[in-house]
């Protein structure tokens, strides 16, 4: 159970990587790295406030998941708007798609919490930890690191 939650947290942070929207043309490597680091740090702190391992108040958990789902959707939209360096373009697209998938999965978690279904919450956590979105996100961030990008918390 703890492993699934750890994978879930890492993957979600990884997916929330790319940050603020574009609008100024293709980003330099340095600019892109800064956006990844900033978004990763912000999302990492957002996830720290949500304990899926030991939910005491499911209504409060549903509210926190709702907030996280909103941040996932916003980050996905922001990533879609970025114009990363050419060599990072495919990874950026993969991260955005995985983020949208995570937002959908969080919607299911939120509904399970609203329904008071702790068994369903645990099942969804396990599914999330082994999901294709997690694998895609890990692959994309690993590829960025191999290409020499310093993406901060996202690459850990």
N, C-alpha and C. Protein backbone atom coordinates (compact mmCIF):
# COMPACT_ATOMS: atom_id res chain seq x y z
N UNK A 1 0.83 -1.18 0.00
CA UNK A 1 0.00 0.00 0.00
C UNK A 1 0.87 1.25 0.00
N UNK A 2 1.89 1.28 0.85
CA UNK A 2 2.76 2.44 0.93
C UNK A 2 3.49 2.64 -0.39
N UNK A 3 3.91 1.54 -1.04
CA UNK A 3 4.62 1.63 -2.32
C UNK A 3 3.72 2.24 -3.39
N UNK A 4 2.46 1.83 -3.41
CA UNK A 4 1.53 2.37 -4.40
C UNK A 4 1.33 3.86 -4.20
N UNK A 5 1.24 4.29 -2.96
CA UNK A 5 1.06 5.71 -2.68
C UNK A 5 2.31 6.49 -3.06
N UNK A 6 3.48 5.94 -2.78
CA UNK A 6 4.72 6.60 -3.15
C UNK A 6 4.81 6.75 -4.65
N UNK A 7 4.54 5.69 -5.40
CA UNK A 7 4.56 5.76 -6.86
C UNK A 7 3.54 6.77 -7.35
N UNK A 8 2.39 6.77 -6.73
CA UNK A 8 1.33 7.68 -7.11
C UNK A 8 1.78 9.12 -6.93
N UNK A 9 2.36 9.42 -5.78
CA UNK A 9 2.83 10.79 -5.50
C UNK A 9 3.93 11.22 -6.44
N UNK A 10 4.91 10.36 -6.65
CA UNK A 10 6.02 10.66 -7.55
C UNK A 10 5.51 10.89 -8.95
N UNK A 11 4.67 10.00 -9.41
CA UNK A 11 4.16 10.11 -10.77
C UNK A 11 3.35 11.38 -10.95
N UNK A 12 2.53 11.70 -10.00
CA UNK A 12 1.72 12.90 -10.12
C UNK A 12 2.59 14.14 -10.18
N UNK A 13 3.59 14.19 -9.34
CA UNK A 13 4.50 15.34 -9.37
C UNK A 13 5.23 15.39 -10.70
N UNK A 14 5.67 14.26 -11.17
CA UNK A 14 6.36 14.20 -12.46
C UNK A 14 5.46 14.75 -13.55
N UNK A 15 4.22 14.38 -13.53
CA UNK A 15 3.32 14.80 -14.58
C UNK A 15 3.00 16.28 -14.53
N UNK A 16 3.13 16.86 -13.40
CA UNK A 16 2.78 18.27 -13.26
C UNK A 16 3.94 19.18 -13.61
N UNK A 17 4.85 18.68 -14.32
CA UNK A 17 6.13 19.30 -14.55
C UNK A 17 6.14 20.66 -15.20
N UNK A 18 5.48 20.87 -16.27
CA UNK A 18 5.90 21.91 -17.19
C UNK A 18 5.49 23.33 -16.89
N UNK A 19 4.51 23.56 -16.08
CA UNK A 19 4.29 24.89 -15.57
C UNK A 19 3.62 25.90 -16.47
N UNK A 20 4.02 27.14 -16.27
CA UNK A 20 3.35 28.30 -16.84
C UNK A 20 3.29 28.24 -18.36
N UNK A 21 2.21 28.75 -18.88
CA UNK A 21 1.96 28.72 -20.31
C UNK A 21 2.98 29.48 -21.12
N UNK A 22 2.97 29.21 -22.40
CA UNK A 22 3.94 29.80 -23.31
C UNK A 22 3.57 31.22 -23.68
N UNK A 23 3.49 31.46 -24.97
CA UNK A 23 3.09 32.78 -25.40
C UNK A 23 4.25 33.60 -25.92
N UNK A 24 5.49 33.21 -25.67
CA UNK A 24 6.62 34.01 -26.11
C UNK A 24 7.50 33.28 -27.08
N UNK A 25 6.98 32.31 -27.82
CA UNK A 25 7.79 31.56 -28.76
C UNK A 25 8.49 30.40 -28.08
N UNK A 26 9.39 29.77 -28.83
CA UNK A 26 10.09 28.61 -28.32
C UNK A 26 10.96 29.01 -27.12
N UNK A 27 10.87 28.20 -26.06
CA UNK A 27 11.66 28.44 -24.86
C UNK A 27 13.08 27.93 -25.05
N UNK A 28 14.01 28.60 -24.38
CA UNK A 28 15.37 28.08 -24.35
C UNK A 28 15.41 26.92 -23.36
N UNK A 29 16.48 26.17 -23.39
CA UNK A 29 16.64 25.07 -22.46
C UNK A 29 16.55 25.57 -21.03
N UNK A 30 17.22 26.66 -20.74
CA UNK A 30 17.23 27.23 -19.40
C UNK A 30 15.83 27.68 -18.96
N UNK A 31 15.11 28.34 -19.84
CA UNK A 31 13.75 28.78 -19.52
C UNK A 31 12.84 27.58 -19.26
N UNK A 32 12.98 26.56 -20.07
CA UNK A 32 12.17 25.36 -19.92
C UNK A 32 12.47 24.67 -18.59
N UNK A 33 13.75 24.56 -18.27
CA UNK A 33 14.14 23.96 -16.99
C UNK A 33 13.55 24.74 -15.82
N UNK A 34 13.58 26.06 -15.89
CA UNK A 34 13.03 26.89 -14.80
C UNK A 34 11.54 26.63 -14.62
N UNK A 35 10.82 26.50 -15.72
CA UNK A 35 9.38 26.24 -15.62
C UNK A 35 9.11 24.86 -15.01
N UNK A 36 9.92 23.87 -15.41
CA UNK A 36 9.76 22.53 -14.85
C UNK A 36 10.05 22.52 -13.36
N UNK A 37 11.11 23.17 -12.96
CA UNK A 37 11.48 23.22 -11.54
C UNK A 37 10.41 23.92 -10.71
N UNK A 38 9.95 25.06 -11.18
CA UNK A 38 8.95 25.83 -10.43
C UNK A 38 7.65 25.05 -10.28
N UNK A 39 7.20 24.47 -11.37
CA UNK A 39 5.94 23.72 -11.30
C UNK A 39 6.09 22.49 -10.42
N UNK A 40 7.21 21.82 -10.54
CA UNK A 40 7.46 20.63 -9.72
C UNK A 40 7.45 20.95 -8.24
N UNK A 41 8.08 22.06 -7.87
CA UNK A 41 8.12 22.46 -6.45
C UNK A 41 6.72 22.81 -5.94
N UNK A 42 5.97 23.53 -6.75
CA UNK A 42 4.61 23.92 -6.35
C UNK A 42 3.72 22.70 -6.17
N UNK A 43 3.79 21.79 -7.10
CA UNK A 43 2.93 20.62 -7.04
C UNK A 43 3.36 19.64 -5.96
N UNK A 44 4.64 19.59 -5.72
CA UNK A 44 5.14 18.74 -4.64
C UNK A 44 4.53 19.18 -3.31
N UNK A 45 4.51 20.48 -3.08
CA UNK A 45 3.93 20.97 -1.82
C UNK A 45 2.42 20.75 -1.79
N UNK A 46 1.76 20.84 -2.94
CA UNK A 46 0.31 20.59 -2.98
C UNK A 46 -0.01 19.15 -2.61
N UNK A 47 0.82 18.22 -3.03
CA UNK A 47 0.57 16.81 -2.73
C UNK A 47 0.87 16.47 -1.27
N UNK A 48 1.73 17.23 -0.64
CA UNK A 48 2.07 16.93 0.75
C UNK A 48 0.87 17.07 1.67
N UNK A 49 -0.09 17.88 1.30
CA UNK A 49 -1.25 18.09 2.15
C UNK A 49 -2.34 17.04 2.00
N UNK A 50 -2.12 16.05 1.16
CA UNK A 50 -3.15 15.03 0.92
C UNK A 50 -2.61 13.66 1.28
N UNK A 51 -3.13 13.10 2.35
CA UNK A 51 -2.69 11.80 2.82
C UNK A 51 -3.71 10.74 2.43
N UNK A 52 -3.43 10.05 1.35
CA UNK A 52 -4.33 8.99 0.90
C UNK A 52 -4.11 7.70 1.66
N UNK A 53 -2.98 7.58 2.32
CA UNK A 53 -2.66 6.35 3.03
C UNK A 53 -3.54 6.17 4.27
N UNK A 54 -3.83 7.28 4.94
CA UNK A 54 -4.60 7.21 6.19
C UNK A 54 -5.70 8.28 6.20
N UNK A 55 -6.65 8.16 5.31
CA UNK A 55 -7.69 9.19 5.28
C UNK A 55 -8.59 9.10 6.50
N UNK A 56 -8.64 10.16 7.28
CA UNK A 56 -9.48 10.19 8.47
C UNK A 56 -10.85 10.80 8.16
N UNK A 57 -10.85 11.85 7.38
CA UNK A 57 -12.08 12.56 7.04
C UNK A 57 -12.24 12.51 5.52
N UNK A 58 -13.11 11.64 5.05
CA UNK A 58 -13.24 11.43 3.61
C UNK A 58 -13.83 12.64 2.88
N UNK A 59 -14.67 13.42 3.55
CA UNK A 59 -15.19 14.63 2.91
C UNK A 59 -14.08 15.64 2.71
N UNK A 60 -13.22 15.76 3.70
CA UNK A 60 -12.08 16.66 3.58
C UNK A 60 -11.11 16.14 2.51
N UNK A 61 -10.91 14.83 2.47
CA UNK A 61 -10.06 14.23 1.45
C UNK A 61 -10.61 14.52 0.06
N UNK A 62 -11.91 14.38 -0.12
CA UNK A 62 -12.53 14.67 -1.42
C UNK A 62 -12.29 16.11 -1.83
N UNK A 63 -12.38 17.02 -0.86
CA UNK A 63 -12.14 18.43 -1.15
C UNK A 63 -10.68 18.67 -1.56
N UNK A 64 -9.76 18.03 -0.88
CA UNK A 64 -8.33 18.18 -1.23
C UNK A 64 -8.04 17.57 -2.60
N UNK A 65 -8.64 16.43 -2.88
CA UNK A 65 -8.45 15.79 -4.18
C UNK A 65 -9.03 16.68 -5.28
N UNK A 66 -10.16 17.33 -5.00
CA UNK A 66 -10.75 18.24 -5.97
C UNK A 66 -9.78 19.37 -6.30
N UNK A 67 -9.12 19.91 -5.29
CA UNK A 67 -8.11 20.96 -5.50
C UNK A 67 -6.95 20.43 -6.33
N UNK A 68 -6.47 19.24 -5.98
CA UNK A 68 -5.37 18.64 -6.73
C UNK A 68 -5.77 18.37 -8.18
N UNK A 69 -6.98 17.90 -8.38
CA UNK A 69 -7.46 17.64 -9.73
C UNK A 69 -7.45 18.93 -10.55
N UNK A 70 -7.86 20.01 -9.94
CA UNK A 70 -7.82 21.30 -10.63
C UNK A 70 -6.41 21.71 -11.00
N UNK A 71 -5.47 21.46 -10.09
CA UNK A 71 -4.07 21.81 -10.37
C UNK A 71 -3.50 20.91 -11.46
N UNK A 72 -3.90 19.66 -11.47
CA UNK A 72 -3.45 18.76 -12.53
C UNK A 72 -3.96 19.23 -13.90
N UNK A 73 -5.22 19.59 -13.95
CA UNK A 73 -5.79 20.07 -15.21
C UNK A 73 -5.13 21.36 -15.67
N UNK A 74 -4.88 22.26 -14.73
CA UNK A 74 -4.23 23.52 -15.09
C UNK A 74 -2.82 23.27 -15.59
N UNK A 75 -2.09 22.41 -14.90
CA UNK A 75 -0.72 22.11 -15.33
C UNK A 75 -0.72 21.46 -16.70
N UNK A 76 -1.67 20.58 -16.95
CA UNK A 76 -1.76 19.94 -18.27
C UNK A 76 -2.01 20.99 -19.35
N UNK A 77 -2.90 21.91 -19.08
CA UNK A 77 -3.18 22.98 -20.04
C UNK A 77 -1.95 23.87 -20.25
N UNK A 78 -1.26 24.18 -19.15
CA UNK A 78 -0.05 25.00 -19.25
C UNK A 78 1.02 24.30 -20.08
N UNK A 79 1.17 23.02 -19.88
CA UNK A 79 2.16 22.24 -20.64
C UNK A 79 1.80 22.25 -22.11
N UNK A 80 0.52 22.08 -22.40
CA UNK A 80 0.07 22.10 -23.79
C UNK A 80 0.43 23.43 -24.46
N UNK A 81 0.45 24.50 -23.68
CA UNK A 81 0.72 25.83 -24.23
C UNK A 81 2.21 26.13 -24.39
N UNK A 82 3.08 25.34 -23.79
CA UNK A 82 4.52 25.59 -23.88
C UNK A 82 5.07 25.29 -25.26
N UNK A 83 6.11 25.99 -25.59
CA UNK A 83 6.89 25.68 -26.79
C UNK A 83 8.30 25.35 -26.32
N UNK A 84 8.52 24.09 -25.92
CA UNK A 84 9.84 23.71 -25.38
C UNK A 84 10.88 23.64 -26.48
N UNK A 85 12.15 23.51 -26.10
CA UNK A 85 13.17 23.26 -27.12
C UNK A 85 12.76 22.05 -27.96
N UNK A 86 13.16 22.04 -29.21
CA UNK A 86 12.73 21.00 -30.15
C UNK A 86 12.99 19.59 -29.60
N UNK A 87 14.16 19.38 -28.98
CA UNK A 87 14.50 18.05 -28.49
C UNK A 87 13.64 17.59 -27.32
N UNK A 88 12.92 18.53 -26.69
CA UNK A 88 12.06 18.20 -25.54
C UNK A 88 10.58 18.14 -25.92
N UNK A 89 10.28 18.43 -27.18
CA UNK A 89 8.89 18.55 -27.60
C UNK A 89 8.09 17.27 -27.37
N UNK A 90 8.60 16.12 -27.77
CA UNK A 90 7.87 14.86 -27.61
C UNK A 90 7.66 14.53 -26.13
N UNK A 91 8.68 14.76 -25.32
CA UNK A 91 8.55 14.50 -23.87
C UNK A 91 7.51 15.44 -23.26
N UNK A 92 7.51 16.67 -23.69
CA UNK A 92 6.55 17.64 -23.19
C UNK A 92 5.12 17.20 -23.52
N UNK A 93 4.91 16.74 -24.74
CA UNK A 93 3.60 16.26 -25.16
C UNK A 93 3.18 15.06 -24.32
N UNK A 94 4.12 14.17 -24.07
CA UNK A 94 3.82 12.98 -23.27
C UNK A 94 3.45 13.35 -21.83
N UNK A 95 4.16 14.32 -21.28
CA UNK A 95 3.86 14.77 -19.92
C UNK A 95 2.46 15.38 -19.87
N UNK A 96 2.12 16.21 -20.85
CA UNK A 96 0.80 16.83 -20.87
C UNK A 96 -0.31 15.78 -20.95
N UNK A 97 -0.13 14.80 -21.81
CA UNK A 97 -1.15 13.75 -21.96
C UNK A 97 -1.29 12.95 -20.66
N UNK A 98 -0.17 12.64 -20.04
CA UNK A 98 -0.22 11.88 -18.78
C UNK A 98 -0.90 12.70 -17.70
N UNK A 99 -0.65 14.00 -17.68
CA UNK A 99 -1.29 14.87 -16.69
C UNK A 99 -2.81 14.86 -16.84
N UNK A 100 -3.27 14.93 -18.07
CA UNK A 100 -4.72 14.86 -18.30
C UNK A 100 -5.27 13.52 -17.80
N UNK A 101 -4.53 12.45 -18.02
CA UNK A 101 -4.95 11.14 -17.54
C UNK A 101 -5.00 11.10 -16.01
N UNK A 102 -3.99 11.69 -15.37
CA UNK A 102 -4.00 11.75 -13.90
C UNK A 102 -5.20 12.54 -13.39
N UNK A 103 -5.51 13.63 -14.03
CA UNK A 103 -6.67 14.43 -13.59
C UNK A 103 -7.94 13.59 -13.65
N UNK A 104 -8.09 12.80 -14.70
CA UNK A 104 -9.25 11.91 -14.80
C UNK A 104 -9.25 10.88 -13.68
N UNK A 105 -8.09 10.31 -13.39
CA UNK A 105 -7.99 9.31 -12.32
C UNK A 105 -8.27 9.93 -10.95
N UNK A 106 -7.86 11.17 -10.77
CA UNK A 106 -8.17 11.86 -9.52
C UNK A 106 -9.66 12.07 -9.37
N UNK A 107 -10.36 12.27 -10.48
CA UNK A 107 -11.81 12.41 -10.42
C UNK A 107 -12.46 11.16 -9.84
N UNK A 108 -11.95 10.01 -10.22
CA UNK A 108 -12.47 8.75 -9.67
C UNK A 108 -12.16 8.63 -8.17
N UNK A 109 -10.95 9.05 -7.78
CA UNK A 109 -10.59 9.03 -6.36
C UNK A 109 -11.50 9.97 -5.56
N UNK A 110 -11.74 11.13 -6.12
CA UNK A 110 -12.60 12.11 -5.45
C UNK A 110 -13.99 11.54 -5.24
N UNK A 111 -14.53 10.88 -6.26
CA UNK A 111 -15.88 10.31 -6.14
C UNK A 111 -15.91 9.19 -5.08
N UNK A 112 -14.87 8.37 -5.05
CA UNK A 112 -14.81 7.31 -4.04
C UNK A 112 -14.77 7.90 -2.64
N UNK A 113 -14.03 8.99 -2.48
CA UNK A 113 -13.96 9.65 -1.16
C UNK A 113 -15.33 10.24 -0.80
N UNK A 114 -15.98 10.86 -1.75
CA UNK A 114 -17.32 11.41 -1.50
C UNK A 114 -18.32 10.32 -1.13
N UNK A 115 -18.15 9.14 -1.74
CA UNK A 115 -19.03 8.01 -1.45
C UNK A 115 -18.66 7.30 -0.15
N UNK A 116 -17.52 7.67 0.44
CA UNK A 116 -17.08 7.01 1.67
C UNK A 116 -16.55 5.61 1.43
N UNK A 117 -16.12 5.32 0.25
CA UNK A 117 -15.69 3.98 -0.15
C UNK A 117 -14.17 3.83 -0.03
N UNK A 118 -13.71 3.50 1.18
CA UNK A 118 -12.26 3.38 1.41
C UNK A 118 -11.65 2.23 0.62
N UNK A 119 -12.40 1.18 0.41
CA UNK A 119 -11.91 0.06 -0.38
C UNK A 119 -11.65 0.49 -1.83
N UNK A 120 -12.54 1.27 -2.38
CA UNK A 120 -12.39 1.77 -3.75
C UNK A 120 -11.20 2.74 -3.81
N UNK A 121 -11.01 3.55 -2.80
CA UNK A 121 -9.87 4.47 -2.75
C UNK A 121 -8.57 3.67 -2.84
N UNK A 122 -8.47 2.62 -2.04
CA UNK A 122 -7.27 1.79 -2.06
C UNK A 122 -7.07 1.13 -3.42
N UNK A 123 -8.13 0.63 -4.01
CA UNK A 123 -8.05 0.00 -5.32
C UNK A 123 -7.56 1.00 -6.37
N UNK A 124 -8.12 2.21 -6.35
CA UNK A 124 -7.74 3.23 -7.33
C UNK A 124 -6.29 3.68 -7.14
N UNK A 125 -5.84 3.73 -5.90
CA UNK A 125 -4.44 4.08 -5.64
C UNK A 125 -3.50 3.05 -6.27
N UNK A 126 -3.83 1.80 -6.09
CA UNK A 126 -3.00 0.74 -6.66
C UNK A 126 -3.02 0.80 -8.19
N UNK A 127 -4.18 1.03 -8.76
CA UNK A 127 -4.28 1.15 -10.21
C UNK A 127 -3.47 2.33 -10.72
N UNK A 128 -3.54 3.42 -10.00
CA UNK A 128 -2.82 4.62 -10.39
C UNK A 128 -1.31 4.40 -10.36
N UNK A 129 -0.84 3.72 -9.32
CA UNK A 129 0.60 3.46 -9.19
C UNK A 129 1.17 2.65 -10.34
N UNK A 130 0.37 1.79 -10.93
CA UNK A 130 0.84 0.96 -12.02
C UNK A 130 0.27 1.36 -13.37
N UNK A 131 -0.30 2.54 -13.45
CA UNK A 131 -0.97 2.96 -14.68
C UNK A 131 0.00 3.30 -15.80
N UNK A 132 -0.53 3.29 -17.00
CA UNK A 132 0.26 3.67 -18.17
C UNK A 132 0.69 5.13 -18.06
N UNK A 133 -0.13 5.97 -17.47
CA UNK A 133 0.22 7.38 -17.30
C UNK A 133 1.49 7.53 -16.46
N UNK A 134 1.62 6.72 -15.41
CA UNK A 134 2.82 6.75 -14.57
C UNK A 134 4.03 6.34 -15.40
N UNK A 135 3.88 5.27 -16.15
CA UNK A 135 4.99 4.79 -16.98
C UNK A 135 5.39 5.83 -18.02
N UNK A 136 4.41 6.44 -18.65
CA UNK A 136 4.68 7.45 -19.67
C UNK A 136 5.38 8.67 -19.06
N UNK A 137 4.90 9.09 -17.90
CA UNK A 137 5.51 10.25 -17.24
C UNK A 137 6.95 9.96 -16.83
N UNK A 138 7.17 8.79 -16.27
CA UNK A 138 8.53 8.42 -15.86
C UNK A 138 9.45 8.33 -17.07
N UNK A 139 8.95 7.79 -18.15
CA UNK A 139 9.75 7.69 -19.37
C UNK A 139 10.11 9.07 -19.90
N UNK A 140 9.15 9.96 -19.93
CA UNK A 140 9.39 11.32 -20.45
C UNK A 140 10.36 12.09 -19.57
N UNK A 141 10.19 12.02 -18.25
CA UNK A 141 11.12 12.76 -17.38
C UNK A 141 12.51 12.14 -17.41
N UNK A 142 12.58 10.81 -17.46
CA UNK A 142 13.90 10.16 -17.58
C UNK A 142 14.59 10.58 -18.87
N UNK A 143 13.83 10.67 -19.95
CA UNK A 143 14.39 11.08 -21.23
C UNK A 143 14.93 12.51 -21.15
N UNK A 144 14.18 13.40 -20.51
CA UNK A 144 14.65 14.78 -20.36
C UNK A 144 15.95 14.83 -19.56
N UNK A 145 16.03 14.06 -18.49
CA UNK A 145 17.25 14.02 -17.68
C UNK A 145 18.42 13.50 -18.51
N UNK A 146 18.17 12.45 -19.28
CA UNK A 146 19.23 11.89 -20.14
C UNK A 146 19.69 12.89 -21.19
N UNK A 147 18.82 13.78 -21.59
CA UNK A 147 19.18 14.80 -22.56
C UNK A 147 19.89 15.99 -21.91
N UNK A 148 20.09 15.90 -20.60
CA UNK A 148 20.82 16.94 -19.89
C UNK A 148 19.97 18.02 -19.26
N UNK A 149 18.67 17.81 -19.15
CA UNK A 149 17.81 18.80 -18.52
C UNK A 149 17.82 18.61 -17.01
N UNK A 150 17.95 19.71 -16.30
CA UNK A 150 17.85 19.71 -14.85
C UNK A 150 16.41 20.09 -14.52
N UNK A 151 15.63 19.07 -14.15
CA UNK A 151 14.19 19.31 -13.92
C UNK A 151 13.83 19.27 -12.43
N UNK A 152 14.83 19.38 -11.58
CA UNK A 152 14.58 19.47 -10.15
C UNK A 152 13.89 18.26 -9.59
N UNK A 153 12.89 18.48 -8.77
CA UNK A 153 12.17 17.41 -8.08
C UNK A 153 11.51 16.44 -9.05
N UNK A 154 11.26 16.89 -10.24
CA UNK A 154 10.57 16.05 -11.21
C UNK A 154 11.43 14.88 -11.67
N UNK A 155 12.73 15.03 -11.60
CA UNK A 155 13.62 13.97 -12.06
C UNK A 155 14.02 12.99 -10.99
N UNK A 156 13.49 13.16 -9.79
CA UNK A 156 13.87 12.28 -8.68
C UNK A 156 12.96 11.09 -8.57
